[in-house]
Each structure stands twice: as C-alpha cells, then as structure tokens.
Protein backbone atom coordinates (compact mmCIF):
# COMPACT_ATOMS: atom_id res chain seq x y z
CA MET A 1 21.45 -3.90 49.47
CA ALA A 2 21.05 -7.69 49.42
CA PRO A 3 23.03 -9.53 46.69
CA THR A 4 21.22 -10.85 43.64
CA HIS A 5 21.84 -13.86 41.39
CA PRO A 6 22.65 -13.40 37.71
CA GLY A 7 19.52 -13.15 35.58
CA SER A 8 17.31 -11.90 38.41
CA SER A 9 16.48 -8.57 40.01
CA GLN A 10 15.41 -10.31 43.21
CA PRO A 11 17.65 -10.54 46.29
CA ALA A 12 19.38 -13.89 46.72
CA ASP A 13 18.15 -14.27 50.32
CA LEU A 14 14.39 -13.85 49.95
CA PRO A 15 12.40 -15.17 52.95
CA VAL A 16 10.80 -18.58 52.43
CA HIS A 17 7.00 -18.67 52.44
CA PRO A 18 5.74 -21.00 55.21
CA GLY A 19 3.81 -23.14 52.73
CA LEU A 20 6.63 -23.51 50.22
CA THR A 21 9.99 -25.26 50.02
CA GLY A 22 13.20 -23.23 50.08
CA PRO A 23 15.74 -21.99 49.50
CA VAL A 24 14.06 -19.52 47.15
CA LEU A 25 15.14 -19.93 43.53
CA THR A 26 16.05 -16.44 42.33
CA SER A 27 18.19 -17.05 39.26
CA ALA A 28 17.08 -17.81 35.72
CA GLN A 29 20.34 -19.76 35.47
CA SER A 30 19.22 -22.25 38.12
CA LYS A 31 19.43 -25.77 36.70
CA ARG A 32 15.83 -26.56 37.64
CA ILE A 33 14.52 -23.37 36.06
CA LYS A 34 16.56 -23.84 32.89
CA GLU A 35 15.42 -27.45 32.48
CA ALA A 36 11.80 -26.44 32.98
CA GLY A 37 12.10 -23.54 30.56
CA LYS A 38 13.31 -25.86 27.80
CA LEU A 39 9.93 -27.61 27.91
CA LEU A 40 8.39 -24.61 26.17
CA LYS A 41 9.84 -26.18 23.01
CA ARG A 42 8.25 -29.27 21.46
CA GLN A 43 11.62 -30.81 20.68
CA TRP A 44 12.55 -30.86 24.35
CA ARG A 45 9.13 -32.17 25.39
CA ASN A 46 9.52 -35.03 22.94
CA LYS A 47 13.04 -35.76 24.14
CA THR A 48 12.23 -35.80 27.85
CA GLY A 49 8.63 -36.99 27.82
CA ARG A 50 7.74 -34.10 30.13
CA PHE A 51 5.55 -31.02 29.86
CA LEU A 52 4.54 -27.85 31.69
CA VAL A 53 1.28 -27.32 33.55
CA GLU A 54 0.58 -23.68 34.32
CA GLY A 55 -2.08 -21.77 36.22
CA PRO A 56 -4.08 -22.56 39.36
CA GLN A 57 -6.92 -24.51 37.69
CA ALA A 58 -4.74 -26.84 35.62
CA VAL A 59 -2.35 -27.33 38.56
CA ARG A 60 -5.31 -28.01 40.86
CA GLU A 61 -6.58 -30.79 38.60
CA ALA A 62 -3.10 -32.28 38.22
CA LEU A 63 -2.59 -32.38 41.99
CA ALA A 64 -6.12 -33.59 42.74
CA GLY A 65 -5.60 -36.59 40.49
CA ASP A 66 -2.63 -38.85 40.00
CA ALA A 67 -0.65 -36.82 37.45
CA PRO A 68 3.04 -37.77 37.69
CA VAL A 69 4.59 -34.53 38.98
CA VAL A 70 8.36 -34.20 38.53
CA ASP A 71 8.86 -30.66 39.80
CA ALA A 72 6.72 -27.78 41.05
CA PHE A 73 7.33 -24.04 41.28
CA MET A 74 5.34 -21.30 42.99
CA THR A 75 5.80 -17.67 43.95
CA ALA A 76 4.97 -16.44 47.44
CA GLU A 77 2.25 -14.21 45.98
CA SER A 78 0.60 -17.17 44.25
CA ALA A 79 0.86 -19.20 47.45
CA ASP A 80 -1.06 -16.50 49.32
CA ARG A 81 -3.77 -16.50 46.63
CA ASN A 82 -4.06 -20.29 46.35
CA PRO A 83 -3.71 -21.96 49.76
CA ASP A 84 -5.69 -24.95 48.51
CA LEU A 85 -2.87 -25.80 46.10
CA ILE A 86 -0.44 -25.96 49.01
CA GLU A 87 -2.81 -28.33 50.79
CA LEU A 88 -3.22 -30.54 47.70
CA ALA A 89 0.54 -30.62 47.16
CA GLY A 90 1.01 -31.69 50.77
CA GLN A 91 -1.48 -34.52 50.34
CA ARG A 92 0.42 -35.69 47.26
CA ARG A 93 3.78 -35.11 48.96
CA VAL A 94 4.76 -32.77 46.14
CA ARG A 95 7.33 -30.15 47.12
CA LEU A 96 6.32 -26.71 45.89
CA ARG A 97 9.63 -24.92 45.39
CA GLN A 98 9.46 -21.20 45.95
CA ILE A 99 10.66 -19.02 43.08
CA ALA A 100 11.20 -15.28 42.87
CA ASP A 101 8.37 -13.17 41.44
CA ASP A 102 10.29 -12.40 38.25
CA LEU A 103 11.03 -16.04 37.31
CA PRO A 104 7.62 -17.36 36.10
CA PRO A 105 8.07 -15.80 32.62
CA VAL A 106 11.17 -17.99 32.18
CA ILE A 107 9.04 -21.14 32.47
CA SER A 108 5.82 -19.80 30.98
CA ASP A 109 4.61 -18.57 27.60
CA THR A 110 1.86 -16.35 29.01
CA VAL A 111 2.08 -12.58 29.13
CA ALA A 112 1.00 -12.49 32.77
CA SER A 113 1.87 -15.72 34.55
CA GLN A 114 -0.17 -16.67 37.62
CA GLY A 115 2.93 -17.82 39.42
CA VAL A 116 2.49 -21.59 39.68
CA VAL A 117 3.94 -24.16 37.26
CA LEU A 118 4.33 -27.93 37.41
CA VAL A 119 6.61 -30.20 35.41
CA CYS A 120 4.80 -33.48 34.73
CA GLU A 121 5.53 -36.69 32.91
CA GLN A 122 3.51 -37.14 29.73
CA ARG A 123 0.92 -39.86 29.92
CA THR A 124 -0.77 -41.13 26.76
CA ALA A 125 -3.03 -44.07 26.04
CA GLU A 126 -2.84 -46.83 23.47
CA LEU A 127 -5.36 -46.58 20.65
CA SER A 128 -6.73 -50.08 21.27
CA SER A 129 -7.45 -49.25 24.92
CA VAL A 130 -9.52 -46.19 23.99
CA VAL A 131 -11.34 -47.35 20.86
CA THR A 132 -13.16 -50.34 22.30
CA GLY A 133 -16.51 -52.05 21.92
CA GLU A 134 -17.69 -50.19 25.03
CA SER A 135 -16.76 -46.70 23.78
CA LYS A 136 -19.83 -44.55 23.15
CA LEU A 137 -18.35 -41.18 22.21
CA LEU A 138 -14.84 -40.48 20.91
CA VAL A 139 -13.31 -37.36 19.43
CA VAL A 140 -10.55 -37.15 16.82
CA LEU A 141 -8.57 -34.04 15.93
CA SER A 142 -7.01 -34.45 12.49
CA GLN A 143 -4.66 -31.77 11.14
CA VAL A 144 -5.79 -29.39 13.88
CA ARG A 145 -2.94 -26.93 14.40
CA ASP A 146 -4.27 -24.24 16.75
CA PRO A 147 -3.44 -25.09 20.39
CA GLY A 148 -6.30 -23.01 21.79
CA ASN A 149 -8.84 -24.85 19.66
CA ALA A 150 -7.37 -28.24 20.50
CA GLY A 151 -7.42 -27.52 24.22
CA THR A 152 -10.98 -26.24 24.11
CA VAL A 153 -12.18 -29.35 22.29
CA ILE A 154 -10.51 -31.56 24.91
CA ARG A 155 -12.29 -29.58 27.63
CA VAL A 156 -15.66 -29.87 25.86
CA ALA A 157 -15.19 -33.61 25.29
CA ASP A 158 -14.49 -34.03 28.99
CA ALA A 159 -17.58 -32.01 29.95
CA ALA A 160 -19.78 -34.04 27.58
CA GLY A 161 -18.61 -37.35 29.02
CA ALA A 162 -16.61 -38.54 26.02
CA ASP A 163 -14.57 -41.72 26.40
CA GLY A 164 -11.36 -40.34 24.95
CA ILE A 165 -9.53 -37.95 22.64
CA ILE A 166 -7.36 -38.94 19.69
CA ILE A 167 -4.92 -36.43 18.21
CA THR A 168 -3.39 -37.49 14.92
CA SER A 169 0.31 -37.25 14.16
CA ASN A 170 -0.19 -34.27 11.83
CA SER A 171 -1.86 -32.15 14.52
CA VAL A 172 -0.67 -29.83 17.28
CA ASP A 173 1.32 -31.33 20.16
CA ALA A 174 -1.14 -32.38 22.88
CA PHE A 175 1.35 -31.18 25.51
CA ASN A 176 1.91 -27.73 24.05
CA PRO A 177 1.58 -25.30 27.02
CA LYS A 178 -1.27 -23.46 25.29
CA VAL A 179 -3.15 -26.71 24.72
CA VAL A 180 -2.69 -27.74 28.34
CA ARG A 181 -3.79 -24.34 29.61
CA SER A 182 -6.87 -24.29 27.34
CA THR A 183 -8.05 -27.63 28.70
CA ALA A 184 -8.35 -26.08 32.19
CA GLY A 185 -7.29 -29.41 33.68
CA SER A 186 -9.37 -31.71 31.45
CA ILE A 187 -6.17 -33.12 29.97
CA PHE A 188 -5.89 -35.07 33.24
CA HIS A 189 -9.44 -36.46 33.06
CA LEU A 190 -9.54 -38.19 29.68
CA PRO A 191 -7.35 -40.80 28.02
CA ILE A 192 -5.51 -39.14 25.15
CA VAL A 193 -4.03 -40.98 22.17
CA THR A 194 -1.36 -39.23 20.10
CA GLY A 195 0.87 -39.96 17.12
CA VAL A 196 -1.55 -42.09 15.08
CA GLY A 197 -2.90 -41.84 11.54
CA LEU A 198 -6.55 -41.17 10.80
CA SER A 199 -6.97 -44.29 8.66
CA GLU A 200 -5.80 -46.48 11.54
CA VAL A 201 -8.28 -44.81 13.89
CA THR A 202 -11.32 -45.01 11.62
CA GLU A 203 -10.64 -48.61 10.66
CA LEU A 204 -10.46 -49.70 14.30
CA ALA A 205 -13.51 -47.67 15.30
CA ARG A 206 -15.59 -49.22 12.56
CA ALA A 207 -14.41 -52.70 13.56
CA ARG A 208 -15.45 -51.96 17.15
CA GLY A 209 -18.98 -51.00 16.13
CA GLN A 210 -18.79 -47.21 16.03
CA GLN A 211 -20.04 -44.99 13.26
CA VAL A 212 -17.42 -42.52 12.03
CA LEU A 213 -18.79 -39.04 11.39
CA ALA A 214 -16.97 -36.14 9.75
CA ALA A 215 -17.92 -32.63 10.81
CA ASP A 216 -18.07 -31.14 7.33
CA ALA A 217 -20.57 -28.74 5.79
CA HIS A 218 -19.82 -29.61 2.17
CA PRO A 219 -22.62 -31.62 0.51
CA PRO A 220 -23.63 -34.31 0.67
CA ALA A 221 -24.03 -34.00 4.43
CA HIS A 222 -26.63 -34.81 7.07
CA ASP A 223 -28.23 -31.89 8.92
CA LEU A 224 -27.15 -32.14 12.57
CA HIS A 225 -30.51 -30.83 13.81
CA VAL A 226 -32.70 -33.20 11.80
CA PRO A 227 -30.41 -36.19 11.19
CA TRP A 228 -33.30 -38.65 11.14
CA ASP A 229 -34.57 -37.06 7.93
CA THR A 230 -31.63 -38.63 6.13
CA GLY A 231 -31.31 -41.78 8.21
CA LEU A 232 -28.56 -40.75 10.63
CA ASP A 233 -28.85 -42.08 14.17
CA LEU A 234 -26.84 -39.98 16.62
CA SER A 235 -27.70 -42.26 19.53
CA ARG A 236 -25.30 -44.89 18.16
CA PRO A 237 -21.71 -45.16 19.44
CA THR A 238 -19.89 -42.47 17.49
CA LEU A 239 -16.41 -41.33 16.65
CA TRP A 240 -16.36 -37.68 15.51
CA VAL A 241 -13.59 -36.41 13.23
CA PHE A 242 -12.76 -32.70 13.19
CA GLY A 243 -10.36 -31.14 10.70
CA SER A 244 -8.13 -28.09 10.41
CA GLU A 245 -9.26 -24.59 11.31
CA ALA A 246 -8.53 -23.10 7.90
CA HIS A 247 -9.63 -25.80 5.47
CA GLY A 248 -11.70 -28.34 7.37
CA LEU A 249 -11.31 -31.97 6.38
CA PRO A 250 -9.57 -32.72 3.08
CA GLU A 251 -11.43 -35.09 0.78
CA SER A 252 -9.01 -37.90 1.62
CA ASP A 253 -9.91 -37.66 5.31
CA ARG A 254 -13.63 -37.30 4.66
CA ALA A 255 -13.49 -40.47 2.53
CA LEU A 256 -12.35 -42.39 5.62
CA CYS A 257 -15.59 -41.51 7.40
CA ASP A 258 -19.01 -43.11 7.09
CA ALA A 259 -20.86 -39.84 6.64
CA ALA A 260 -20.51 -36.07 6.85
CA VAL A 261 -22.61 -33.91 9.16
CA ALA A 262 -23.27 -30.18 8.78
CA ILE A 263 -24.36 -27.69 11.44
CA PRO A 264 -27.19 -25.52 10.10
CA LEU A 265 -26.56 -21.77 10.11
CA TYR A 266 -29.68 -19.70 10.71
CA GLY A 267 -28.07 -16.29 10.67
CA ARG A 268 -25.64 -14.51 8.39
CA ALA A 269 -22.36 -15.94 9.71
CA GLU A 270 -20.40 -17.73 7.02
CA SER A 271 -19.21 -20.47 9.34
CA LEU A 272 -18.36 -21.48 12.91
CA ASN A 273 -14.85 -21.85 14.25
CA LEU A 274 -13.52 -25.31 15.00
CA ALA A 275 -13.98 -25.29 18.77
CA THR A 276 -17.56 -24.01 18.53
CA ALA A 277 -18.54 -26.48 15.82
CA ALA A 278 -16.96 -29.37 17.72
CA SER A 279 -18.78 -28.36 20.90
CA ILE A 280 -22.15 -28.43 19.16
CA CYS A 281 -21.52 -31.80 17.51
CA ILE A 282 -20.13 -33.47 20.63
CA TYR A 283 -23.00 -32.30 22.81
CA GLU A 284 -25.62 -33.27 20.24
CA SER A 285 -24.22 -36.81 20.29
CA ALA A 286 -24.07 -36.88 24.08
CA ARG A 287 -27.67 -35.66 24.33
CA SER A 288 -28.90 -38.20 21.80
CA GLN A 289 -27.13 -41.05 23.55
CA LEU A 290 -28.71 -40.13 26.88
CA MET A 291 -32.29 -39.92 25.57
C-alpha cells in the first residue's frame, strides 16, 4: 500500500494530471493548504488582504479577467470536468496545483466542494472613484448581514448594469466565501467599496447629483410601480440603499435618504426578502433610465 501523508487518506504519490502542476498536495498539513484554509475566517482575510474563490463559475470569471491570483488548487476530477479552466489558467500563467480529492473541504465551507479554489488578493475601490457625476445607478448595502443575500444583490447589480456596489462597515464582509460564491463571478465585474459609513456615502452621492432612495415599505413611501403619481422620477441618476434582512432600514438610515420607495404586494405575502426586493428596485431603475 502506498504511504499517505498525515491528515489525508490519499496516497502520497498520486499521479499528476497532465493539465495540473505537481507534485500532488495530499496533506492537510501542507503549508499552502493551511494558509488557504485560514482565509475561511474574516480575521485572517483582513490580516492578509486575501480571499478564497470557489467553484467553476467564480473561478472562470476570476481567470477570464485580471483578478490578482496568488494561488490555485484543483483536483484531477475537477480538471477533467472543467478543461476550459485549465486553458484560462494557462493564458494567465496561473499554476493550478493539483490537490488530493479529500482536501477541498479543508479550504472550502461548502458541503460538497466542486474541487477548484483560488486564493486572490482583495481589490476594493475608493468611494470617490465610484460615486461620481457620471454614475447612473449605484447600490448600497447597509447593515446587511446575510452573505447569500449580499452576494445575490451584487450579481443582480452587475446584471442590471449598475456602476458600483457600496457595502457599509456594519455589513457582512464582501470577501466572505459565501458572498463570493453567491455573486457567481460578478464580484470581479463591478467596483466594490467597503468599510464606509452610510452618511458619508449619501452626502457624496447627493453632492454628485444623484437622488438617494431607501427601499422601505413604511409610509410615507412612493409606490415603485407608479412613482410619477407622487413625483418620483426613476430615470434620474440614483443611489439605492437597502437595509438588514430582519428589520430593514432603521429610521436613522432612512433619514439620510431623499425618499423611501415601497414595492406593492398584490398577493397575500407579508413581504419580500432582501435579495428579491433589491432585484426589483434595481431593475426598475435600470429600465427607467434606458427608456
């Protein structure tokens, strides 16, 4: 029987896949694997300025663009399923290091990893470079804590052609693995501002000619589907502010906005979840601006 490394059930001398770089990493105690695994924790991401990108779609978008890749890991099985990733990595001169089939869970927080993970440098934008006089549609997440919701909103903003995403300092970490995974690669398409306060954002947006709208159903609020009835013009450059999943926007945050906008409910549902509500609002603005 072939020898194994500590922390792995895989033989230490696994054959190297022709599209990957060897020798095969088989031990959870490998320095590269341990360093990557630490990035599952926010503290380590903040300390190193790095984050994990997992899954074929997110990895594909990272490699297709200019994401700063520090390290890359892939199982032989994943390499067989995703030959295009090997080609993209070759074009970027990124070395895909082969890892044993039982190692992805060490560097992933998913139940069933798809066997490909990148380590990338975090890249954020300055607020003044995103909130400009040319910005037409911007999205702010304030006190949003759920990573799946945050990632979905980033993906929707990308699809709707938004100019940028702003995530306030009291929200989820933009580079949380679940956020990154939920964006399906959109995190690499949009400039993202982090670590700012809502008052700073709204003040600058207003100074740059944008209306600041709070997605909030509490009256008084404009009806998103007939905004003209109450004098709201959605074709104007707009910065949308979305609040927490559980409580929406607190009064102090709503007061920083020019107006509140409610999505009409025609059925019996009490409310919409954050990602759904944000999607409707963002697309309504995008549609109005294109008319």
